[in-house]
């Protein structure tokens, strides 16, 4: 299986640069993952495709303002630091630009010295371990100095930080938003619950690897990044009860999918717990838990597009993407959505 098999040509003007004022006004492409049958609607009509007894699994991670702009103390040169993963007290794994100059021992300053740091060592994939120094509460300083780490394909400035958060975001730790969840409003979630559908929260802190391209020709040779996940006992029990009672487990986004598939047994039962997952889902994978997927439109040759193709069939997915381009859907993080399941296109 070649990475090039997952390439498609996307006109640049279809990359959504700004979120819609109304989260639920995005377009929605609904596809039967077995037949490839498709129909088009708006996201707020997602309730038409959900059934009493289903469970909607969401990722309640919260994006931190992880992009810091500062300077090297010795030379005054500009530096950009992206926080990726907390490794210990005041120590973070980061991506530093320019990276070649970020050698161990280099001192950094942010906000006129409000936050200072030292590069400790170079680790996997050229990332840097950095120890921060400050007076006060780190999260408050970060909220003051940091910027939202928008994907590189978004060129516009984000005016409202909350528009890169889901309405149910709770636990801080992500360097990127679980973007399929951006379409939900509190009103829509209440409507879904009133229909007899459970809303179950799991946590997966999204890392920078979400945007890293697959650089190997053979898909199976790709090295997947690790991300922290947590599934509570209550969440596991609700998902398992849904499976036992014949309901569908519908994941909101690829991160929720990767979480439940990472902590499930071969019989499809989810185990409570936490840890690091590097699960890589591509065509040929047998899904143990997920019955339906709500997801955005993903980058060509990305691991996310491979996951979607594994669930709904590469041919069906690529045909759906072709049609979405023809119908001028909006793509990527602030773009439109798909709902993939079976026997639900009406």
Protein backbone atom coordinates (compact mmCIF):
# COMPACT_ATOMS: atom_id res chain seq x y z
CA UNK A 1 0.00 0.00 0.00
CA UNK A 2 1.54 3.29 -1.15
CA UNK A 3 1.20 6.71 0.39
CA UNK A 4 0.54 8.12 -3.08
CA UNK A 5 -2.69 6.07 -3.18
CA UNK A 6 -4.15 8.61 -0.76
CA UNK A 7 -3.30 11.71 -2.76
CA UNK A 8 -5.92 14.06 -4.18
CA UNK A 9 -5.66 17.54 -5.67
CA UNK A 10 -7.35 20.25 -3.60
CA UNK A 11 -7.82 23.82 -4.84
CA UNK A 12 -6.29 26.16 -2.25
CA UNK A 13 -9.42 28.28 -2.07
CA UNK A 14 -11.29 25.33 -0.52
CA UNK A 15 -9.07 25.34 2.58
CA UNK A 16 -11.26 26.98 5.22
CA UNK A 17 -9.38 29.91 6.72
CA UNK A 18 -11.99 31.03 9.24
CA UNK A 19 -14.60 29.28 11.38
CA UNK A 20 -18.26 29.89 10.63
CA UNK A 21 -20.16 32.16 13.00
CA UNK A 22 -22.60 29.32 13.68
CA UNK A 23 -20.69 26.13 14.47
CA UNK A 24 -23.55 23.87 13.37
CA UNK A 25 -24.04 25.61 10.00
CA UNK A 26 -21.24 23.61 8.35
CA UNK A 27 -22.20 21.31 5.51
CA UNK A 28 -22.40 17.59 6.16
CA UNK A 29 -21.74 14.79 3.69
CA UNK A 30 -23.39 11.57 4.89
CA UNK A 31 -22.07 8.32 3.41
CA UNK A 32 -22.98 4.69 3.83
CA UNK A 33 -19.57 3.13 4.39
CA UNK A 34 -20.60 -0.20 2.84
CA UNK A 35 -22.29 1.00 -0.35
CA UNK A 36 -20.71 4.43 -0.80
CA UNK A 37 -24.19 5.98 -1.16
CA UNK A 38 -24.03 9.67 -0.32
CA UNK A 39 -26.29 12.57 0.50
CA UNK A 40 -25.74 16.19 1.49
CA UNK A 41 -27.20 18.21 4.33
CA UNK A 42 -26.12 20.65 7.07
CA UNK A 43 -24.45 19.64 10.31
CA UNK A 44 -27.29 20.69 12.59
CA UNK A 45 -29.32 17.90 10.93
CA UNK A 46 -26.94 15.26 12.32
CA UNK A 47 -29.76 14.28 14.69
CA UNK A 48 -31.63 12.85 11.70
CA UNK A 49 -28.93 10.19 11.45
CA UNK A 50 -28.57 9.33 15.12
CA UNK A 51 -30.79 6.84 16.90
CA UNK A 52 -31.93 6.31 20.48
CA UNK A 53 -29.52 3.88 22.10
CA UNK A 54 -26.47 5.19 20.25
CA UNK A 55 -23.44 6.57 22.09
CA UNK A 56 -21.65 9.64 20.79
CA UNK A 57 -18.00 9.48 21.91
CA UNK A 58 -16.30 12.88 22.12
CA UNK A 59 -12.76 13.95 22.97
CA UNK A 60 -12.88 16.50 25.80
CA UNK A 61 -9.25 17.60 25.52
CA UNK A 62 -8.58 21.34 25.63
CA UNK A 63 -6.07 23.12 23.42
CA UNK A 64 -3.49 25.17 25.29
CA UNK A 65 -2.12 28.44 23.81
CA UNK A 66 1.03 26.48 23.07
CA UNK A 67 2.78 28.82 20.61
CA UNK A 68 5.31 31.10 22.31
CA UNK A 69 7.21 33.87 20.54
CA UNK A 70 10.39 35.03 22.23
CA UNK A 71 14.09 35.63 21.81
CA UNK A 72 17.45 34.06 22.52
CA UNK A 73 18.91 35.81 25.55
CA UNK A 74 22.49 35.84 24.26
CA UNK A 75 21.91 37.17 20.76
CA UNK A 76 18.42 38.63 20.86
CA UNK A 77 17.45 36.52 17.85
CA UNK A 78 13.79 35.66 17.41
CA UNK A 79 12.61 32.20 18.41
CA UNK A 80 9.32 30.32 18.28
CA UNK A 81 8.52 27.49 20.68
CA UNK A 82 5.57 25.13 20.33
CA UNK A 83 4.71 23.15 23.47
CA UNK A 84 4.02 19.52 22.58
CA UNK A 85 3.97 17.44 25.76
CA UNK A 86 4.54 18.03 29.46
CA UNK A 87 7.36 15.75 30.62
CA UNK A 88 7.72 16.76 34.26
CA UNK A 89 7.80 19.75 36.59
CA UNK A 90 8.28 22.76 34.29
CA UNK A 91 9.81 20.54 31.59
CA UNK A 92 8.16 20.27 28.18
CA UNK A 93 8.93 18.53 24.92
CA UNK A 94 8.79 21.26 22.30
CA UNK A 95 9.34 22.15 18.68
CA UNK A 96 11.72 25.11 18.35
CA UNK A 97 12.21 27.33 15.29
CA UNK A 98 14.87 27.91 14.15
CA UNK A 99 15.84 24.46 15.38
CA UNK A 100 19.52 24.35 14.37
CA UNK A 101 20.40 27.10 16.83
CA UNK A 102 18.46 25.57 19.72
CA UNK A 103 21.37 23.71 21.30
CA UNK A 104 21.45 22.44 24.89
CA UNK A 105 22.24 25.27 27.28
CA UNK A 106 20.65 27.99 25.14
CA UNK A 107 18.62 30.46 27.20
CA UNK A 108 15.28 31.87 26.00
CA UNK A 109 13.08 34.73 27.13
CA UNK A 110 9.38 35.41 26.54
CA UNK A 111 7.26 38.43 27.40
CA UNK A 112 10.19 40.57 28.39
CA UNK A 113 11.42 37.98 30.88
CA UNK A 114 8.03 37.10 32.36
CA UNK A 115 8.80 33.56 31.22
CA UNK A 116 12.33 32.24 30.76
CA UNK A 117 13.62 28.87 29.64
CA UNK A 118 16.67 26.71 28.99
CA UNK A 119 17.10 24.08 26.28
CA UNK A 120 18.08 20.83 28.02
CA UNK A 121 18.52 18.29 25.22
CA UNK A 122 17.58 17.23 21.71
CA UNK A 123 15.18 14.27 21.57
CA UNK A 124 13.16 12.29 19.02
CA UNK A 125 12.58 13.87 15.60
CA UNK A 126 14.64 16.91 16.55
CA UNK A 127 12.29 18.09 19.28
CA UNK A 128 13.79 19.86 22.30
CA UNK A 129 13.28 19.35 26.01
CA UNK A 130 12.96 22.77 27.64
CA UNK A 131 12.78 23.73 31.32
CA UNK A 132 10.75 26.86 32.07
CA UNK A 133 11.37 29.36 34.87
CA UNK A 134 8.76 31.84 36.13
CA UNK A 135 7.10 33.42 39.13
CA UNK A 136 3.44 32.63 39.65
CA UNK A 137 1.22 30.09 37.88
CA UNK A 138 2.46 28.67 34.58
CA UNK A 139 -1.02 28.28 33.05
CA UNK A 140 -1.86 31.93 33.74
CA UNK A 141 1.41 33.10 32.18
CA UNK A 142 0.85 30.84 29.18
CA UNK A 143 -2.66 32.19 28.73
CA UNK A 144 -1.22 35.70 28.71
CA UNK A 145 1.74 35.11 26.40
CA UNK A 146 0.80 32.10 24.29
CA UNK A 147 -1.04 31.92 20.99
CA UNK A 148 -3.29 29.17 19.68
CA UNK A 149 -1.16 26.74 17.62
CA UNK A 150 -3.19 26.84 14.42
CA UNK A 151 -2.27 24.40 11.64
CA UNK A 152 0.20 25.77 9.07
CA UNK A 153 -2.42 25.84 6.32
CA UNK A 154 -4.51 28.41 8.23
CA UNK A 155 -3.09 31.79 7.28
CA UNK A 156 -5.70 34.07 8.84
CA UNK A 157 -5.47 35.32 12.41
CA UNK A 158 -7.95 33.72 14.81
CA UNK A 159 -9.86 36.54 16.52
CA UNK A 160 -11.59 34.38 19.16
CA UNK A 161 -9.47 31.69 20.85
CA UNK A 162 -12.60 29.78 21.85
CA UNK A 163 -13.40 29.01 18.21
CA UNK A 164 -10.47 26.59 18.21
CA UNK A 165 -11.99 24.78 21.20
CA UNK A 166 -14.95 22.42 21.33
CA UNK A 167 -17.80 23.56 23.57
CA UNK A 168 -17.10 20.55 25.81
CA UNK A 169 -13.31 21.04 26.07
CA UNK A 170 -12.24 20.36 29.67
CA UNK A 171 -8.76 18.90 30.21
CA UNK A 172 -5.82 21.00 29.00
CA UNK A 173 -3.04 19.31 27.07
CA UNK A 174 -3.51 19.47 23.30
CA UNK A 175 -1.38 21.21 20.71
CA UNK A 176 -4.25 20.95 18.20
CA UNK A 177 -8.02 20.78 18.40
CA UNK A 178 -10.07 17.61 17.79
CA UNK A 179 -11.70 19.48 14.94
CA UNK A 180 -14.69 17.22 14.23
CA UNK A 181 -16.08 18.40 17.55
CA UNK A 182 -15.96 22.07 16.54
CA UNK A 183 -19.32 21.66 14.75
CA UNK A 184 -21.29 20.98 17.92
CA UNK A 185 -23.12 23.67 19.87
CA UNK A 186 -24.46 23.27 23.41
CA UNK A 187 -27.97 23.49 21.99
CA UNK A 188 -27.30 20.71 19.48
CA UNK A 189 -25.83 18.49 22.20
CA UNK A 190 -28.95 18.98 24.33
CA UNK A 191 -31.10 18.05 21.34
CA UNK A 192 -29.04 14.89 20.82
CA UNK A 193 -29.38 13.85 24.46
CA UNK A 194 -33.12 14.49 24.43
CA UNK A 195 -33.37 11.94 21.63
CA UNK A 196 -32.04 9.19 23.90
CA UNK A 197 -28.43 9.27 22.72
CA UNK A 198 -25.63 9.08 25.28
CA UNK A 199 -22.78 11.56 25.08
CA UNK A 200 -19.61 9.92 26.39
CA UNK A 201 -16.37 11.81 26.98
CA UNK A 202 -12.89 10.34 26.58
CA UNK A 203 -9.60 12.25 26.50
CA UNK A 204 -6.76 12.20 24.01
CA UNK A 205 -4.27 15.06 23.98
CA UNK A 206 -3.64 15.80 20.32
CA UNK A 207 0.02 16.21 19.40
CA UNK A 208 1.84 17.89 16.54
CA UNK A 209 2.09 14.54 14.76
CA UNK A 210 -1.46 15.14 13.59
CA UNK A 211 -0.03 17.49 10.95
CA UNK A 212 3.15 15.58 10.13
CA UNK A 213 3.04 14.19 6.60
CA UNK A 214 3.70 10.55 5.80
CA UNK A 215 7.15 10.68 4.21
CA UNK A 216 7.67 7.00 3.41
CA UNK A 217 6.46 5.39 0.21
CA UNK A 218 5.20 2.26 1.99
CA UNK A 219 2.36 3.23 4.36
CA UNK A 220 3.17 0.36 6.75
CA UNK A 221 6.66 1.82 7.36
CA UNK A 222 5.34 5.08 8.81
CA UNK A 223 6.28 5.76 12.44
CA UNK A 224 3.26 7.05 14.36
CA UNK A 225 3.60 9.64 17.10
CA UNK A 226 2.42 8.88 20.65
CA UNK A 227 -0.36 10.72 22.44
CA UNK A 228 -1.71 10.54 25.98
CA UNK A 229 -5.21 9.13 26.43
CA UNK A 230 -7.56 8.48 29.33
CA UNK A 231 -10.81 6.55 29.51
CA UNK A 232 -12.69 6.63 32.80
CA UNK A 233 -14.50 3.65 34.24
CA UNK A 234 -17.85 5.38 33.71
CA UNK A 235 -17.05 6.09 30.05
CA UNK A 236 -15.94 2.50 29.41
CA UNK A 237 -19.10 1.14 31.05
CA UNK A 238 -21.38 3.37 28.98
CA UNK A 239 -19.68 2.41 25.71
CA UNK A 240 -19.76 -1.29 26.60
CA UNK A 241 -23.42 -1.09 27.58
CA UNK A 242 -24.19 0.47 24.20
CA UNK A 243 -22.43 -2.40 22.42
CA UNK A 244 -24.22 -5.04 24.50
CA UNK A 245 -27.63 -3.49 23.92
CA UNK A 246 -27.19 -3.30 20.15
CA UNK A 247 -26.63 0.45 19.90
CA UNK A 248 -23.97 2.09 17.77
CA UNK A 249 -20.77 3.65 19.05
CA UNK A 250 -20.23 6.79 16.99
CA UNK A 251 -16.92 8.56 17.41
CA UNK A 252 -16.62 12.30 16.99
CA UNK A 253 -13.30 12.60 15.23
CA UNK A 254 -10.32 10.39 14.56
CA UNK A 255 -8.90 11.09 18.03
CA UNK A 256 -11.95 9.59 19.76
CA UNK A 257 -11.68 6.64 17.37
CA UNK A 258 -8.02 6.08 18.15
CA UNK A 259 -8.75 6.27 21.87
CA UNK A 260 -11.48 3.62 22.02
CA UNK A 261 -9.69 1.36 19.56
CA UNK A 262 -6.47 1.65 21.60
CA UNK A 263 -8.04 0.44 24.84
CA UNK A 264 -10.41 -2.24 23.56
CA UNK A 265 -10.17 -6.01 23.73
CA UNK A 266 -10.67 -8.30 20.77
CA UNK A 267 -14.33 -8.80 21.69
CA UNK A 268 -14.96 -5.05 21.33
CA UNK A 269 -15.15 -4.20 25.02
CA UNK A 270 -13.45 -1.00 26.15
CA UNK A 271 -11.11 -1.09 29.15
CA UNK A 272 -10.82 1.92 31.45
CA UNK A 273 -7.32 3.30 31.88
CA UNK A 274 -4.75 5.79 30.66
CA UNK A 275 -1.45 5.72 28.85
CA UNK A 276 0.29 6.53 25.59
CA UNK A 277 -1.01 5.30 22.27
CA UNK A 278 0.72 5.17 18.89
CA UNK A 279 -2.02 3.20 17.14
CA UNK A 280 -1.86 3.65 13.37
CA UNK A 281 -5.07 2.77 11.56
CA UNK A 282 -4.95 2.22 7.81
CA UNK A 283 -6.84 -0.02 5.33
CA UNK A 284 -6.87 -3.61 6.51
CA UNK A 285 -7.47 -2.68 10.15
CA UNK A 286 -10.41 -4.45 11.84
CA UNK A 287 -12.43 -2.02 13.94
CA UNK A 288 -13.43 -3.49 17.28
CA UNK A 289 -15.56 -0.70 18.78
CA UNK A 290 -16.46 2.09 16.37
CA UNK A 291 -19.65 1.78 14.31
CA UNK A 292 -19.85 5.32 12.97
CA UNK A 293 -17.50 8.27 12.50
CA UNK A 294 -18.08 12.02 12.35
CA UNK A 295 -15.00 13.62 10.84
CA UNK A 296 -13.70 16.56 8.86
CA UNK A 297 -12.05 16.43 5.44
CA UNK A 298 -8.35 15.63 5.84
CA UNK A 299 -5.08 16.46 4.11
CA UNK A 300 -3.91 14.36 1.16
CA UNK A 301 -1.63 11.46 2.11
CA UNK A 302 -2.29 11.99 5.82
CA UNK A 303 -2.69 9.32 8.49
CA UNK A 304 -6.15 10.73 9.17
CA UNK A 305 -7.28 10.14 5.59
CA UNK A 306 -5.87 6.61 5.87
CA UNK A 307 -7.93 5.99 9.02
CA UNK A 308 -11.11 7.20 7.31
CA UNK A 309 -10.30 5.00 4.32
CA UNK A 310 -9.82 2.02 6.59
CA UNK A 311 -13.31 2.54 7.97
CA UNK A 312 -15.27 3.39 4.84
CA UNK A 313 -13.13 1.95 2.02
CA UNK A 314 -10.53 3.91 0.08
CA UNK A 315 -12.52 3.92 -3.14
CA UNK A 316 -15.68 5.20 -1.44
CA UNK A 317 -13.76 7.86 0.47
CA UNK A 318 -11.82 9.15 -2.52
CA UNK A 319 -15.02 9.34 -4.57
CA UNK A 320 -16.68 11.26 -1.73
CA UNK A 321 -13.75 13.68 -1.58
CA UNK A 322 -13.96 14.19 -5.34
CA UNK A 323 -17.65 15.02 -5.06
CA UNK A 324 -17.03 17.33 -2.09
CA UNK A 325 -14.50 19.27 -4.14
CA UNK A 326 -16.94 19.53 -7.05
CA UNK A 327 -19.63 20.83 -4.66
CA UNK A 328 -17.18 23.31 -3.13
CA UNK A 329 -17.11 21.93 0.39
CA UNK A 330 -14.74 23.65 2.85
CA UNK A 331 -11.77 21.49 3.88
CA UNK A 332 -9.60 20.84 6.96
CA UNK A 333 -9.81 22.19 10.52
CA UNK A 334 -12.43 24.94 10.07
CA UNK A 335 -14.13 23.16 7.20
CA UNK A 336 -17.18 20.94 6.68
CA UNK A 337 -17.82 17.42 7.95
CA UNK A 338 -18.66 13.85 6.99
CA UNK A 339 -20.73 11.24 8.80
CA UNK A 340 -19.74 7.69 7.94
CA UNK A 341 -21.80 4.73 9.07
CA UNK A 342 -23.89 2.03 7.38
CA UNK A 343 -27.50 1.78 6.27
CA UNK A 344 -28.20 5.34 7.38
CA UNK A 345 -28.37 7.27 4.12
CA UNK A 346 -32.04 8.13 3.73
